[in-house]
Amino acid sequence: MHGLKAGNYNVNVNGIAGSFELAVDNTLNDSPSSMPPRQQVITEANNGTMIDLEKEETLYLRLKENPTTGYSWQLNLSEGLSLLSDEYYPPESNETEQPLVGAGGVHLWEIKATAEGSQQITGIYKRSWENITGTEDNFTLNIEVA
């Protein structure tokens, strides 16, 4: 069962009573694989393209990232876009396997169109302490909001 908050619980099943304690919340986290249906998911494949959105519609931007090496995406959103969530998901590993050290995961942003007109998302993939050299990976998405 999912959705229980951390705490003490008493249960009674067919007249047999018992209790248990949850040390941490037993809730499902939103993961890239459990996104709502019919939402636009934008990836590296959409780099340099244009999409259309309705005002108040959201999109999910999903880019590969490996912060264990110091590299991360630094995004800029035009004024008509609002960042709703910003999460990094490490690589999935089997419960019986050790997590892959140094393996990259994905970064997922939920972005809402809040104003009509031409909007843009730009990103650069670099180490925050390094200067821009022009050899970094860049991401650009143009959005027309109606």
N, C-alpha and C. Protein backbone atom coordinates (compact mmCIF):
# COMPACT_ATOMS: atom_id res chain seq x y z
N MET A 1 0.85 -1.18 0.00
CA MET A 1 0.00 0.00 0.00
C MET A 1 0.89 1.24 0.00
N HIS A 2 0.50 2.23 -0.77
CA HIS A 2 1.25 3.48 -0.84
C HIS A 2 0.37 4.62 -0.35
N GLY A 3 1.00 5.72 0.00
CA GLY A 3 0.26 6.91 0.38
C GLY A 3 0.20 7.16 1.87
N LEU A 4 0.84 6.33 2.67
CA LEU A 4 0.82 6.55 4.12
C LEU A 4 1.96 7.47 4.53
N LYS A 5 1.65 8.37 5.43
CA LYS A 5 2.66 9.26 5.98
C LYS A 5 3.41 8.54 7.11
N ALA A 6 4.63 9.02 7.41
CA ALA A 6 5.39 8.45 8.52
C ALA A 6 4.58 8.58 9.81
N GLY A 7 4.65 7.55 10.66
CA GLY A 7 3.94 7.60 11.93
C GLY A 7 3.60 6.21 12.42
N ASN A 8 2.84 6.17 13.53
CA ASN A 8 2.42 4.90 14.13
C ASN A 8 1.01 4.57 13.66
N TYR A 9 0.77 3.29 13.35
CA TYR A 9 -0.52 2.85 12.87
C TYR A 9 -0.99 1.63 13.65
N ASN A 10 -2.28 1.60 13.97
CA ASN A 10 -2.93 0.44 14.58
C ASN A 10 -3.85 -0.17 13.53
N VAL A 11 -3.80 -1.49 13.43
CA VAL A 11 -4.65 -2.17 12.45
C VAL A 11 -5.44 -3.28 13.13
N ASN A 12 -6.59 -3.57 12.57
CA ASN A 12 -7.43 -4.66 13.07
C ASN A 12 -7.98 -5.37 11.85
N VAL A 13 -7.52 -6.61 11.65
CA VAL A 13 -7.97 -7.40 10.51
C VAL A 13 -8.66 -8.65 11.03
N ASN A 14 -9.94 -8.75 10.77
CA ASN A 14 -10.74 -9.90 11.20
C ASN A 14 -10.56 -10.20 12.69
N GLY A 15 -10.54 -9.15 13.51
CA GLY A 15 -10.44 -9.33 14.95
C GLY A 15 -9.03 -9.48 15.48
N ILE A 16 -8.04 -9.52 14.62
CA ILE A 16 -6.64 -9.61 15.07
C ILE A 16 -6.03 -8.22 14.98
N ALA A 17 -5.58 -7.71 16.15
CA ALA A 17 -5.06 -6.35 16.22
C ALA A 17 -3.54 -6.37 16.19
N GLY A 18 -3.00 -5.34 15.63
CA GLY A 18 -1.55 -5.17 15.59
C GLY A 18 -1.21 -3.72 15.36
N SER A 19 0.06 -3.40 15.38
CA SER A 19 0.48 -2.03 15.12
C SER A 19 1.82 -2.05 14.39
N PHE A 20 2.11 -0.95 13.73
CA PHE A 20 3.41 -0.81 13.07
C PHE A 20 3.76 0.66 12.98
N GLU A 21 5.03 0.93 12.72
CA GLU A 21 5.51 2.30 12.59
C GLU A 21 6.20 2.46 11.25
N LEU A 22 5.88 3.54 10.56
CA LEU A 22 6.60 3.90 9.34
C LEU A 22 7.57 5.02 9.71
N ALA A 23 8.84 4.80 9.47
CA ALA A 23 9.84 5.81 9.78
C ALA A 23 9.86 6.93 8.75
N VAL A 24 9.48 6.61 7.52
CA VAL A 24 9.44 7.60 6.44
C VAL A 24 8.11 7.49 5.72
N ASP A 25 7.75 8.56 4.99
CA ASP A 25 6.52 8.54 4.21
C ASP A 25 6.58 7.42 3.18
N ASN A 26 5.47 6.74 2.99
CA ASN A 26 5.35 5.68 2.00
C ASN A 26 4.48 6.18 0.85
N THR A 27 4.95 7.27 0.22
CA THR A 27 4.20 7.87 -0.86
C THR A 27 4.96 7.69 -2.15
N LEU A 28 4.22 7.69 -3.25
CA LEU A 28 4.84 7.56 -4.56
C LEU A 28 5.37 8.91 -5.00
N ASN A 29 6.61 8.95 -5.43
CA ASN A 29 7.18 10.16 -6.00
C ASN A 29 6.85 10.20 -7.47
N ASP A 30 6.66 11.41 -8.00
CA ASP A 30 6.49 11.52 -9.44
C ASP A 30 7.83 11.22 -10.08
N SER A 31 7.85 10.31 -11.00
CA SER A 31 9.08 10.00 -11.71
C SER A 31 8.84 10.22 -13.18
N PRO A 32 9.89 10.31 -13.98
CA PRO A 32 9.69 10.55 -15.40
C PRO A 32 8.77 9.52 -16.05
N SER A 33 8.71 8.32 -15.51
CA SER A 33 7.87 7.29 -16.13
C SER A 33 6.42 7.37 -15.66
N SER A 34 6.10 8.25 -14.68
CA SER A 34 4.73 8.33 -14.20
C SER A 34 4.12 9.71 -14.46
N MET A 35 4.52 10.32 -15.56
CA MET A 35 3.99 11.63 -15.90
C MET A 35 2.55 11.51 -16.37
N PRO A 36 1.76 12.56 -16.17
CA PRO A 36 0.37 12.52 -16.63
C PRO A 36 0.30 12.28 -18.14
N PRO A 37 -0.74 11.58 -18.60
CA PRO A 37 -0.88 11.35 -20.03
C PRO A 37 -1.18 12.64 -20.78
N ARG A 38 -0.96 12.63 -22.08
CA ARG A 38 -1.27 13.74 -22.98
C ARG A 38 -0.49 15.01 -22.68
N GLN A 39 0.59 14.95 -21.95
CA GLN A 39 1.43 16.11 -21.75
C GLN A 39 2.56 16.04 -22.77
N GLN A 40 2.99 17.20 -23.25
CA GLN A 40 4.11 17.23 -24.18
C GLN A 40 5.40 16.99 -23.41
N VAL A 41 6.16 16.00 -23.85
CA VAL A 41 7.46 15.73 -23.26
C VAL A 41 8.51 16.11 -24.29
N ILE A 42 9.35 17.06 -23.92
CA ILE A 42 10.38 17.58 -24.81
C ILE A 42 11.72 16.98 -24.39
N THR A 43 12.51 16.51 -25.36
CA THR A 43 13.82 15.92 -25.08
C THR A 43 14.87 16.56 -25.97
N GLU A 44 16.09 16.01 -25.90
CA GLU A 44 17.19 16.49 -26.74
C GLU A 44 16.80 16.47 -28.22
N ALA A 45 15.94 15.54 -28.60
CA ALA A 45 15.52 15.42 -30.00
C ALA A 45 14.78 16.67 -30.48
N ASN A 46 14.23 17.46 -29.57
CA ASN A 46 13.49 18.67 -29.92
C ASN A 46 14.37 19.92 -29.96
N ASN A 47 15.67 19.77 -29.73
CA ASN A 47 16.58 20.91 -29.71
C ASN A 47 16.49 21.68 -31.03
N GLY A 48 16.30 22.99 -30.93
CA GLY A 48 16.25 23.85 -32.11
C GLY A 48 14.91 23.90 -32.81
N THR A 49 13.89 23.28 -32.24
CA THR A 49 12.58 23.24 -32.89
C THR A 49 11.62 24.25 -32.26
N MET A 50 10.42 24.32 -32.86
CA MET A 50 9.36 25.18 -32.33
C MET A 50 8.15 24.30 -32.03
N ILE A 51 7.47 24.60 -30.93
CA ILE A 51 6.23 23.90 -30.59
C ILE A 51 5.15 24.94 -30.31
N ASP A 52 3.90 24.50 -30.35
CA ASP A 52 2.77 25.35 -30.03
C ASP A 52 2.16 24.88 -28.72
N LEU A 53 1.83 25.84 -27.86
CA LEU A 53 1.14 25.55 -26.60
C LEU A 53 -0.02 26.52 -26.45
N GLU A 54 -1.01 26.10 -25.71
CA GLU A 54 -2.09 27.00 -25.29
C GLU A 54 -1.64 27.68 -24.00
N LYS A 55 -2.14 28.88 -23.76
CA LYS A 55 -1.86 29.56 -22.50
C LYS A 55 -2.36 28.68 -21.36
N GLU A 56 -1.59 28.56 -20.28
CA GLU A 56 -1.85 27.74 -19.10
C GLU A 56 -1.54 26.27 -19.32
N GLU A 57 -1.12 25.87 -20.51
CA GLU A 57 -0.74 24.49 -20.77
C GLU A 57 0.69 24.27 -20.24
N THR A 58 0.99 23.03 -19.85
CA THR A 58 2.33 22.72 -19.36
C THR A 58 3.04 21.77 -20.32
N LEU A 59 4.35 21.80 -20.22
CA LEU A 59 5.19 20.85 -20.94
C LEU A 59 6.21 20.31 -19.96
N TYR A 60 6.76 19.15 -20.31
CA TYR A 60 7.82 18.55 -19.51
C TYR A 60 9.08 18.54 -20.36
N LEU A 61 10.14 19.13 -19.86
CA LEU A 61 11.44 19.12 -20.52
C LEU A 61 12.29 18.09 -19.80
N ARG A 62 12.74 17.09 -20.57
CA ARG A 62 13.51 15.99 -20.00
C ARG A 62 14.84 15.89 -20.73
N LEU A 63 15.93 16.21 -20.02
CA LEU A 63 17.27 16.19 -20.61
C LEU A 63 18.19 15.30 -19.81
N LYS A 64 19.07 14.58 -20.50
CA LYS A 64 20.07 13.75 -19.82
C LYS A 64 21.02 14.65 -19.06
N GLU A 65 21.42 14.20 -17.86
CA GLU A 65 22.30 15.01 -17.01
C GLU A 65 23.12 14.09 -16.12
N ASN A 66 24.34 14.52 -15.81
CA ASN A 66 25.21 13.74 -14.94
C ASN A 66 25.90 14.66 -13.93
N PRO A 67 25.18 15.09 -12.89
CA PRO A 67 25.76 16.01 -11.92
C PRO A 67 26.92 15.42 -11.11
N THR A 68 27.08 14.08 -11.12
CA THR A 68 28.20 13.49 -10.39
C THR A 68 29.53 13.90 -11.00
N THR A 69 29.51 14.35 -12.26
CA THR A 69 30.73 14.83 -12.92
C THR A 69 30.85 16.35 -12.84
N GLY A 70 29.88 16.98 -12.20
CA GLY A 70 29.89 18.44 -12.09
C GLY A 70 29.08 19.12 -13.17
N TYR A 71 28.66 18.37 -14.18
CA TYR A 71 27.90 18.97 -15.27
C TYR A 71 26.42 18.99 -14.94
N SER A 72 25.78 20.12 -15.25
CA SER A 72 24.34 20.23 -15.09
C SER A 72 23.80 21.26 -16.08
N TRP A 73 22.50 21.15 -16.32
CA TRP A 73 21.84 22.10 -17.22
C TRP A 73 21.53 23.38 -16.46
N GLN A 74 21.84 24.49 -17.08
CA GLN A 74 21.47 25.80 -16.56
C GLN A 74 20.47 26.38 -17.55
N LEU A 75 19.20 26.45 -17.12
CA LEU A 75 18.11 26.88 -18.01
C LEU A 75 17.77 28.34 -17.82
N ASN A 76 17.31 28.94 -18.91
CA ASN A 76 16.73 30.28 -18.88
C ASN A 76 15.38 30.20 -19.57
N LEU A 77 14.36 30.75 -18.93
CA LEU A 77 13.01 30.78 -19.47
C LEU A 77 12.62 32.22 -19.76
N SER A 78 11.95 32.45 -20.90
CA SER A 78 11.46 33.80 -21.16
C SER A 78 10.34 34.12 -20.17
N GLU A 79 9.97 35.40 -20.09
CA GLU A 79 9.05 35.86 -19.04
C GLU A 79 7.67 35.22 -19.08
N GLY A 80 7.24 34.73 -20.24
CA GLY A 80 5.92 34.14 -20.35
C GLY A 80 5.86 32.67 -20.00
N LEU A 81 6.94 32.15 -19.42
CA LEU A 81 7.01 30.76 -19.00
C LEU A 81 7.28 30.71 -17.51
N SER A 82 6.66 29.75 -16.82
CA SER A 82 6.82 29.62 -15.38
C SER A 82 7.29 28.22 -15.03
N LEU A 83 8.32 28.13 -14.20
CA LEU A 83 8.85 26.83 -13.77
C LEU A 83 8.02 26.31 -12.60
N LEU A 84 7.37 25.14 -12.82
CA LEU A 84 6.53 24.54 -11.78
C LEU A 84 7.29 23.52 -10.94
N SER A 85 8.18 22.76 -11.58
CA SER A 85 8.97 21.79 -10.82
C SER A 85 10.30 21.58 -11.52
N ASP A 86 11.28 21.13 -10.74
CA ASP A 86 12.67 21.00 -11.19
C ASP A 86 13.27 19.84 -10.41
N GLU A 87 13.37 18.66 -11.04
CA GLU A 87 13.83 17.46 -10.33
C GLU A 87 14.88 16.71 -11.13
N TYR A 88 15.88 16.20 -10.43
CA TYR A 88 16.87 15.31 -11.04
C TYR A 88 16.56 13.88 -10.62
N TYR A 89 16.58 12.95 -11.57
CA TYR A 89 16.33 11.54 -11.29
C TYR A 89 17.58 10.74 -11.62
N PRO A 90 18.22 10.13 -10.62
CA PRO A 90 19.41 9.31 -10.88
C PRO A 90 19.02 8.08 -11.69
N PRO A 91 20.02 7.39 -12.26
CA PRO A 91 19.68 6.20 -13.05
C PRO A 91 18.99 5.16 -12.18
N GLU A 92 18.02 4.49 -12.78
CA GLU A 92 17.31 3.44 -12.04
C GLU A 92 18.21 2.22 -11.94
N SER A 93 18.17 1.59 -10.77
CA SER A 93 18.93 0.35 -10.61
C SER A 93 18.03 -0.69 -9.97
N ASN A 94 18.32 -1.91 -10.24
CA ASN A 94 17.59 -3.03 -9.69
C ASN A 94 17.84 -3.07 -8.18
N GLU A 95 16.86 -3.50 -7.40
CA GLU A 95 17.04 -3.56 -5.94
C GLU A 95 18.21 -4.44 -5.53
N THR A 96 18.55 -5.41 -6.36
CA THR A 96 19.64 -6.32 -6.02
C THR A 96 20.99 -5.82 -6.52
N GLU A 97 20.99 -4.74 -7.31
CA GLU A 97 22.24 -4.21 -7.86
C GLU A 97 22.67 -2.97 -7.11
N GLN A 98 23.97 -2.75 -7.10
CA GLN A 98 24.50 -1.51 -6.56
C GLN A 98 24.20 -0.39 -7.57
N PRO A 99 23.91 0.84 -7.10
CA PRO A 99 23.72 1.93 -8.05
C PRO A 99 25.01 2.14 -8.84
N LEU A 100 24.87 2.53 -10.08
CA LEU A 100 26.03 2.76 -10.93
C LEU A 100 26.70 4.07 -10.54
N VAL A 101 27.90 3.99 -10.03
CA VAL A 101 28.63 5.19 -9.62
C VAL A 101 29.05 5.97 -10.86
N GLY A 102 28.74 7.25 -10.88
CA GLY A 102 29.12 8.10 -11.99
C GLY A 102 28.20 8.04 -13.19
N ALA A 103 27.15 7.23 -13.11
CA ALA A 103 26.22 7.13 -14.24
C ALA A 103 25.26 8.31 -14.23
N GLY A 104 24.91 8.76 -15.39
CA GLY A 104 24.01 9.90 -15.51
C GLY A 104 22.56 9.50 -15.41
N GLY A 105 21.74 10.45 -15.09
CA GLY A 105 20.30 10.25 -15.03
C GLY A 105 19.61 11.25 -15.94
N VAL A 106 18.43 11.69 -15.52
CA VAL A 106 17.71 12.70 -16.29
C VAL A 106 17.23 13.81 -15.38
N HIS A 107 17.16 15.00 -15.95
CA HIS A 107 16.62 16.15 -15.24
C HIS A 107 15.27 16.43 -15.87
N LEU A 108 14.26 16.65 -15.04
CA LEU A 108 12.91 16.88 -15.54
C LEU A 108 12.38 18.19 -14.97
N TRP A 109 11.97 19.07 -15.88
CA TRP A 109 11.37 20.34 -15.50
C TRP A 109 9.93 20.35 -15.99
N GLU A 110 9.02 20.84 -15.16
CA GLU A 110 7.64 21.08 -15.59
C GLU A 110 7.50 22.58 -15.77
N ILE A 111 7.10 22.98 -16.97
CA ILE A 111 7.08 24.40 -17.34
C ILE A 111 5.70 24.74 -17.87
N LYS A 112 5.14 25.85 -17.37
CA LYS A 112 3.80 26.28 -17.75
C LYS A 112 3.87 27.54 -18.59
N ALA A 113 3.06 27.59 -19.66
CA ALA A 113 2.95 28.79 -20.49
C ALA A 113 1.99 29.75 -19.80
N THR A 114 2.48 30.92 -19.40
CA THR A 114 1.65 31.86 -18.64
C THR A 114 1.28 33.11 -19.43
N ALA A 115 1.89 33.31 -20.60
CA ALA A 115 1.59 34.48 -21.41
C ALA A 115 1.61 34.11 -22.89
N GLU A 116 0.74 34.74 -23.65
CA GLU A 116 0.69 34.48 -25.09
C GLU A 116 1.88 35.12 -25.78
N GLY A 117 2.17 34.61 -26.98
CA GLY A 117 3.24 35.17 -27.78
C GLY A 117 4.41 34.21 -27.93
N SER A 118 5.50 34.72 -28.45
CA SER A 118 6.70 33.91 -28.67
C SER A 118 7.49 33.79 -27.37
N GLN A 119 7.74 32.56 -26.96
CA GLN A 119 8.50 32.29 -25.74
C GLN A 119 9.68 31.40 -26.10
N GLN A 120 10.63 31.29 -25.17
CA GLN A 120 11.81 30.49 -25.46
C GLN A 120 12.41 29.90 -24.19
N ILE A 121 12.90 28.67 -24.33
CA ILE A 121 13.70 28.02 -23.29
C ILE A 121 15.09 27.84 -23.88
N THR A 122 16.10 28.29 -23.15
CA THR A 122 17.48 28.03 -23.57
C THR A 122 18.21 27.39 -22.40
N GLY A 123 19.17 26.54 -22.74
CA GLY A 123 19.95 25.88 -21.70
C GLY A 123 21.37 25.65 -22.17
N ILE A 124 22.26 25.60 -21.20
CA ILE A 124 23.66 25.27 -21.46
C ILE A 124 24.07 24.20 -20.46
N TYR A 125 24.80 23.21 -20.93
CA TYR A 125 25.23 22.08 -20.11
C TYR A 125 26.70 22.26 -19.80
N LYS A 126 26.99 22.65 -18.55
CA LYS A 126 28.36 22.94 -18.18
C LYS A 126 28.55 22.82 -16.68
N ARG A 127 29.79 22.86 -16.28
CA ARG A 127 30.11 22.93 -14.86
C ARG A 127 29.96 24.39 -14.43
N SER A 128 29.30 24.61 -13.32
CA SER A 128 28.96 25.97 -12.89
C SER A 128 30.19 26.83 -12.64
N TRP A 129 31.31 26.23 -12.29
CA TRP A 129 32.50 27.00 -11.96
C TRP A 129 33.39 27.27 -13.18
N GLU A 130 33.04 26.70 -14.33
CA GLU A 130 33.87 26.89 -15.51
C GLU A 130 33.30 28.00 -16.41
N ASN A 131 34.20 28.69 -17.10
CA ASN A 131 33.80 29.73 -18.03
C ASN A 131 33.22 29.08 -19.30
N ILE A 132 32.37 29.84 -19.98
CA ILE A 132 31.80 29.36 -21.24
C ILE A 132 32.90 29.41 -22.31
N THR A 133 33.08 28.29 -23.00
CA THR A 133 34.13 28.19 -24.03
C THR A 133 33.57 28.14 -25.44
N GLY A 134 32.25 27.88 -25.57
CA GLY A 134 31.65 27.73 -26.88
C GLY A 134 31.57 26.28 -27.33
N THR A 135 32.14 25.37 -26.54
CA THR A 135 32.09 23.95 -26.90
C THR A 135 31.03 23.20 -26.09
N GLU A 136 30.29 23.90 -25.24
CA GLU A 136 29.27 23.27 -24.40
C GLU A 136 28.08 22.81 -25.23
N ASP A 137 27.36 21.84 -24.70
CA ASP A 137 26.09 21.46 -25.30
C ASP A 137 25.08 22.55 -24.97
N ASN A 138 24.28 22.93 -25.96
CA ASN A 138 23.24 23.94 -25.77
C ASN A 138 21.89 23.34 -26.16
N PHE A 139 20.84 23.90 -25.58
CA PHE A 139 19.49 23.48 -25.91
C PHE A 139 18.64 24.73 -26.10
N THR A 140 17.86 24.75 -27.18
CA THR A 140 16.94 25.86 -27.46
C THR A 140 15.60 25.29 -27.91
N LEU A 141 14.54 25.79 -27.31
CA LEU A 141 13.19 25.44 -27.74
C LEU A 141 12.38 26.73 -27.88
N ASN A 142 11.85 26.96 -29.06
CA ASN A 142 10.99 28.10 -29.31
C ASN A 142 9.54 27.65 -29.15
N ILE A 143 8.74 28.48 -28.47
CA ILE A 143 7.37 28.12 -28.15
C ILE A 143 6.45 29.26 -28.57
N GLU A 144 5.42 28.93 -29.33
CA GLU A 144 4.40 29.90 -29.70
C GLU A 144 3.18 29.60 -28.84
N VAL A 145 2.83 30.57 -27.98
CA VAL A 145 1.72 30.38 -27.04
C VAL A 145 0.51 31.14 -27.55
N ALA A 146 -0.60 30.43 -27.71
CA ALA A 146 -1.85 31.06 -28.22
C ALA A 146 -2.84 31.23 -27.07
